[in-house]
Structure formats: structure tokens, C-alpha cells
C-alpha atoms as a PDB file:
ATOM      1  CA  MET A   1      42.082  -8.287  16.943  1.00  0.00           C
ATOM      2  CA  LYS A   2      38.993 -10.310  16.073  1.00  0.00           C
ATOM      3  CA  ASN A   3      37.758 -10.500  12.489  1.00  0.00           C
ATOM      4  CA  MET A   4      34.766  -8.174  12.234  1.00  0.00           C
ATOM      5  CA  ALA A   5      31.860  -8.914   9.896  1.00  0.00           C
ATOM      6  CA  SER A   6      31.833  -6.559   6.945  1.00  0.00           C
ATOM      7  CA  LYS A   7      29.261  -3.810   6.650  1.00  0.00           C
ATOM      8  CA  SER A   8      27.157  -3.529   3.475  1.00  0.00           C
ATOM      9  CA  VAL A   9      25.018  -0.501   2.716  1.00  0.00           C
ATOM     10  CA  ILE A  10      21.555  -1.316   1.320  1.00  0.00           C
ATOM     11  CA  LYS A  11      19.830   1.181  -0.991  1.00  0.00           C
ATOM     12  CA  PRO A  12      16.810  -0.564  -2.555  1.00  0.00           C
ATOM     13  CA  ALA A  13      15.642   0.597  -5.958  1.00  0.00           C
ATOM     14  CA  GLY A  14      12.116   1.965  -5.735  1.00  0.00           C
ATOM     15  CA  ALA A  15      12.243   2.627  -1.985  1.00  0.00           C
ATOM     16  CA  ALA A  16      10.963   5.865  -0.514  1.00  0.00           C
ATOM     17  CA  PRO A  17      13.774   8.434  -0.488  1.00  0.00           C
ATOM     18  CA  ALA A  18      15.835   8.962   2.651  1.00  0.00           C
ATOM     19  CA  VAL A  19      15.021  12.277   4.345  1.00  0.00           C
ATOM     20  CA  GLY A  20      18.473  12.753   5.794  1.00  0.00           C
ATOM     21  CA  PRO A  21      22.072  11.532   5.787  1.00  0.00           C
ATOM     22  CA  TYR A  22      21.387   7.836   6.354  1.00  0.00           C
ATOM     23  CA  ASN A  23      20.908   4.601   4.418  1.00  0.00           C
ATOM     24  CA  HIS A  24      17.747   2.511   4.166  1.00  0.00           C
ATOM     25  CA  ALA A  25      19.520  -0.424   5.768  1.00  0.00           C
ATOM     26  CA  VAL A  26      22.904  -1.796   6.708  1.00  0.00           C
ATOM     27  CA  ARG A  27      23.804  -5.485   6.702  1.00  0.00           C
ATOM     28  CA  VAL A  28      26.401  -6.782   9.132  1.00  0.00           C
ATOM     29  CA  GLY A  29      26.890 -10.530   9.082  1.00  0.00           C
ATOM     30  CA  ASP A  30      23.512 -12.246   9.342  1.00  0.00           C
ATOM     31  CA  LEU A  31      21.663  -9.129  10.549  1.00  0.00           C
ATOM     32  CA  LEU A  32      19.909  -6.401   8.584  1.00  0.00           C
ATOM     33  CA  PHE A  33      19.391  -3.129  10.457  1.00  0.00           C
ATOM     34  CA  CYS A  34      16.662  -1.097   8.753  1.00  0.00           C
ATOM     35  CA  ALA A  35      16.335   2.632   9.274  1.00  0.00           C
ATOM     36  CA  GLY A  36      13.022   3.866  10.581  1.00  0.00           C
ATOM     37  CA  GLN A  37      10.468   4.246   7.813  1.00  0.00           C
ATOM     38  CA  ILE A  38       7.817   6.944   7.740  1.00  0.00           C
ATOM     39  CA  PRO A  39       4.754   6.954   5.460  1.00  0.00           C
ATOM     40  CA  LEU A  40       6.404   8.393   2.359  1.00  0.00           C
ATOM     41  CA  ASP A  41       5.055   7.552  -1.061  1.00  0.00           C
ATOM     42  CA  PRO A  42       8.086   6.178  -2.952  1.00  0.00           C
ATOM     43  CA  ALA A  43       6.817   7.692  -6.216  1.00  0.00           C
ATOM     44  CA  THR A  44       6.543  11.264  -4.930  1.00  0.00           C
ATOM     45  CA  GLY A  45       8.600  11.385  -1.735  1.00  0.00           C
ATOM     46  CA  ASN A  46       5.596  13.009  -0.051  1.00  0.00           C
ATOM     47  CA  LEU A  47       3.822  11.929   3.107  1.00  0.00           C
ATOM     48  CA  VAL A  48       0.678   9.899   2.375  1.00  0.00           C
ATOM     49  CA  ALA A  49      -2.617  11.379   3.500  1.00  0.00           C
ATOM     50  CA  GLY A  50      -4.888   9.581   5.906  1.00  0.00           C
ATOM     51  CA  ASP A  51      -5.321   8.299   9.414  1.00  0.00           C
ATOM     52  CA  ILE A  52      -3.000   6.110  11.474  1.00  0.00           C
ATOM     53  CA  LYS A  53      -4.110   2.993   9.576  1.00  0.00           C
ATOM     54  CA  ALA A  54      -3.276   4.507   6.172  1.00  0.00           C
ATOM     55  CA  GLN A  55       0.052   5.793   7.444  1.00  0.00           C
ATOM     56  CA  THR A  56       0.971   2.464   9.093  1.00  0.00           C
ATOM     57  CA  GLN A  57       0.077   0.624   5.870  1.00  0.00           C
ATOM     58  CA  ARG A  58       2.471   2.831   3.871  1.00  0.00           C
ATOM     59  CA  VAL A  59       5.225   2.526   6.501  1.00  0.00           C
ATOM     60  CA  LEU A  60       5.067  -1.261   6.446  1.00  0.00           C
ATOM     61  CA  GLU A  61       4.971  -1.325   2.636  1.00  0.00           C
ATOM     62  CA  ASN A  62       8.186   0.742   2.765  1.00  0.00           C
ATOM     63  CA  VAL A  63       9.715  -1.745   5.226  1.00  0.00           C
ATOM     64  CA  LYS A  64       8.597  -4.584   2.937  1.00  0.00           C
ATOM     65  CA  ALA A  65      10.439  -2.974  -0.012  1.00  0.00           C
ATOM     66  CA  ILE A  66      13.692  -3.113   1.963  1.00  0.00           C
ATOM     67  CA  LEU A  67      13.079  -6.703   3.081  1.00  0.00           C
ATOM     68  CA  ASP A  68      12.115  -7.747  -0.478  1.00  0.00           C
ATOM     69  CA  ASP A  69      15.323  -6.206  -1.813  1.00  0.00           C
ATOM     70  CA  GLN A  70      17.282  -8.555   0.463  1.00  0.00           C
ATOM     71  CA  LYS A  71      15.015 -11.547  -0.282  1.00  0.00           C
ATOM     72  CA  LEU A  72      13.614 -11.490   3.258  1.00  0.00           C
ATOM     73  CA  THR A  73      10.067 -11.376   4.632  1.00  0.00           C
ATOM     74  CA  PHE A  74       8.461 -10.146   7.840  1.00  0.00           C
ATOM     75  CA  VAL A  75       9.084 -13.631   9.278  1.00  0.00           C
ATOM     76  CA  ASN A  76      12.816 -12.749   9.281  1.00  0.00           C
ATOM     77  CA  VAL A  77      12.238  -9.704  11.506  1.00  0.00           C
ATOM     78  CA  VAL A  78      13.483 -10.325  15.045  1.00  0.00           C
ATOM     79  CA  LYS A  79      12.946  -6.838  16.538  1.00  0.00           C
ATOM     80  CA  SER A  80      10.797  -3.853  15.675  1.00  0.00           C
ATOM     81  CA  THR A  81      10.440  -0.441  17.230  1.00  0.00           C
ATOM     82  CA  VAL A  82       7.308   1.635  16.655  1.00  0.00           C
ATOM     83  CA  PHE A  83       7.317   5.380  17.233  1.00  0.00           C
ATOM     84  CA  LEU A  84       3.907   7.070  17.541  1.00  0.00           C
ATOM     85  CA  THR A  85       3.197  10.756  18.048  1.00  0.00           C
ATOM     86  CA  ASN A  86       0.054   9.740  19.958  1.00  0.00           C
ATOM     87  CA  LEU A  87      -0.268   6.472  21.893  1.00  0.00           C
ATOM     88  CA  ALA A  88      -4.031   6.759  21.422  1.00  0.00           C
ATOM     89  CA  ASP A  89      -3.246   5.540  17.858  1.00  0.00           C
ATOM     90  CA  PHE A  90      -1.862   2.249  19.236  1.00  0.00           C
ATOM     91  CA  ALA A  91      -4.950   0.150  18.410  1.00  0.00           C
ATOM     92  CA  GLY A  92      -5.203   1.428  14.830  1.00  0.00           C
ATOM     93  CA  MET A  93      -1.486   0.903  14.232  1.00  0.00           C
ATOM     94  CA  ASN A  94      -1.668  -2.575  15.761  1.00  0.00           C
ATOM     95  CA  GLU A  95      -4.588  -3.562  13.522  1.00  0.00           C
ATOM     96  CA  VAL A  96      -2.524  -2.892  10.385  1.00  0.00           C
ATOM     97  CA  TYR A  97       0.750  -4.162  11.918  1.00  0.00           C
ATOM     98  CA  SER A  98      -0.871  -7.546  12.618  1.00  0.00           C
ATOM     99  CA  LYS A  99      -1.652  -7.962   8.894  1.00  0.00           C
ATOM    100  CA  PHE A 100       2.065  -7.818   8.046  1.00  0.00           C
ATOM    101  CA  PHE A 101       3.378  -9.753  11.062  1.00  0.00           C
ATOM    102  CA  THR A 102       1.106 -12.797  11.047  1.00  0.00           C
ATOM    103  CA  ALA A 103       3.223 -15.443  12.823  1.00  0.00           C
ATOM    104  CA  ASP A 104       6.407 -15.673  14.832  1.00  0.00           C
ATOM    105  CA  PHE A 105       6.024 -12.080  15.972  1.00  0.00           C
ATOM    106  CA  PRO A 106       9.259 -10.183  16.600  1.00  0.00           C
ATOM    107  CA  ALA A 107      10.146  -8.582  19.898  1.00  0.00           C
ATOM    108  CA  ARG A 108       8.700  -5.046  19.828  1.00  0.00           C
ATOM    109  CA  SER A 109       8.890  -1.739  21.624  1.00  0.00           C
ATOM    110  CA  THR A 110       6.359   1.044  21.097  1.00  0.00           C
ATOM    111  CA  VAL A 111       7.036   4.561  22.301  1.00  0.00           C
ATOM    112  CA  GLN A 112       5.337   7.924  22.044  1.00  0.00           C
ATOM    113  CA  VAL A 113       7.487  10.722  20.652  1.00  0.00           C
ATOM    114  CA  ALA A 114       6.915  14.468  20.437  1.00  0.00           C
ATOM    115  CA  ALA A 115       7.265  14.637  16.643  1.00  0.00           C
ATOM    116  CA  LEU A 116       8.438  12.699  13.581  1.00  0.00           C
ATOM    117  CA  PRO A 117       9.982  13.885  10.285  1.00  0.00           C
ATOM    118  CA  LYS A 118       7.650  15.573   7.805  1.00  0.00           C
ATOM    119  CA  GLY A 119       4.765  15.504  10.299  1.00  0.00           C
ATOM    120  CA  ALA A 120       4.329  11.721  10.192  1.00  0.00           C
ATOM    121  CA  THR A 121       2.295  10.090  12.964  1.00  0.00           C
ATOM    122  CA  VAL A 122       4.152   6.743  12.862  1.00  0.00           C
ATOM    123  CA  GLU A 123       7.652   5.476  12.174  1.00  0.00           C
ATOM    124  CA  ILE A 124       8.776   1.839  12.327  1.00  0.00           C
ATOM    125  CA  GLU A 125      12.288   0.392  12.286  1.00  0.00           C
ATOM    126  CA  VAL A 126      13.203  -3.295  12.170  1.00  0.00           C
ATOM    127  CA  VAL A 127      16.117  -5.652  12.583  1.00  0.00           C
ATOM    128  CA  ALA A 128      15.955  -8.821  10.484  1.00  0.00           C
ATOM    129  CA  HIS A 129      17.991 -12.040  10.445  1.00  0.00           C
ATOM    130  CA  PHE A 130      19.133 -13.848   7.299  1.00  0.00           C
END
């Protein structure tokens, strides 16, 4: 049997609370798999008010908190998946997204979904490399 890389659970201090039975991220070897983040205010655990730009800003700040905890940046992200409840919000999401991912963009998928937890309009998950 091959030696498997160990799995480490990541629970950053100050991150928005998980809204279910999952962890913020899991590290296996040189990869960090981050759970999808929705626009929760870490201080209150409530969804932030506002349009797609405000919600995307909060989502990516939540992703940044996980990356920061592991001493990584958005440059380390190799794959992202964006879930939108309305693809008409793509341009607004992309405008904010491009402020966080400024060079060496990761591979990305964007899909429309019927609904997201707590009524969010956007959720983003990432995979980063150490």
C-alpha cells in the first residue's frame, strides 16, 4: 500500500462560521481544499446585505481569511468554482473577483444553481497549492 499524505483539518480563527457539518478547509499534502464560502459576516454569522458585488466582496474576504491562516494568497489558488443563483450576475461578480485575482488566474468554473444556503446569491470554493 502506498503512503498516503496526511489530512489536516483547517479551522481559521475569525472565519465566518460553518453552516453545516464541514470544515473551512482540509490540507492534503501540498493542496488546500477550501469549502465553498457564502457572504457571511464573520462577526455576526449573518448574510451581508447588498447586491452581487457586495456579496462577492464578502465571499472573497472569507476565502482570504482561510488563505491568510495558511500563509497563502490568491496567487496560490489553482482552481476556483463560482456558484451563482442568477448568471445575469456574472459581470458584477467578475468585476469584484478580478480585484482579488489580479495575476496568474486560476482555472475556474461558474455555474448557476437553484439556491444557496441562507439565501446567498454567490458561493465560491477554491483549491490552493503550497
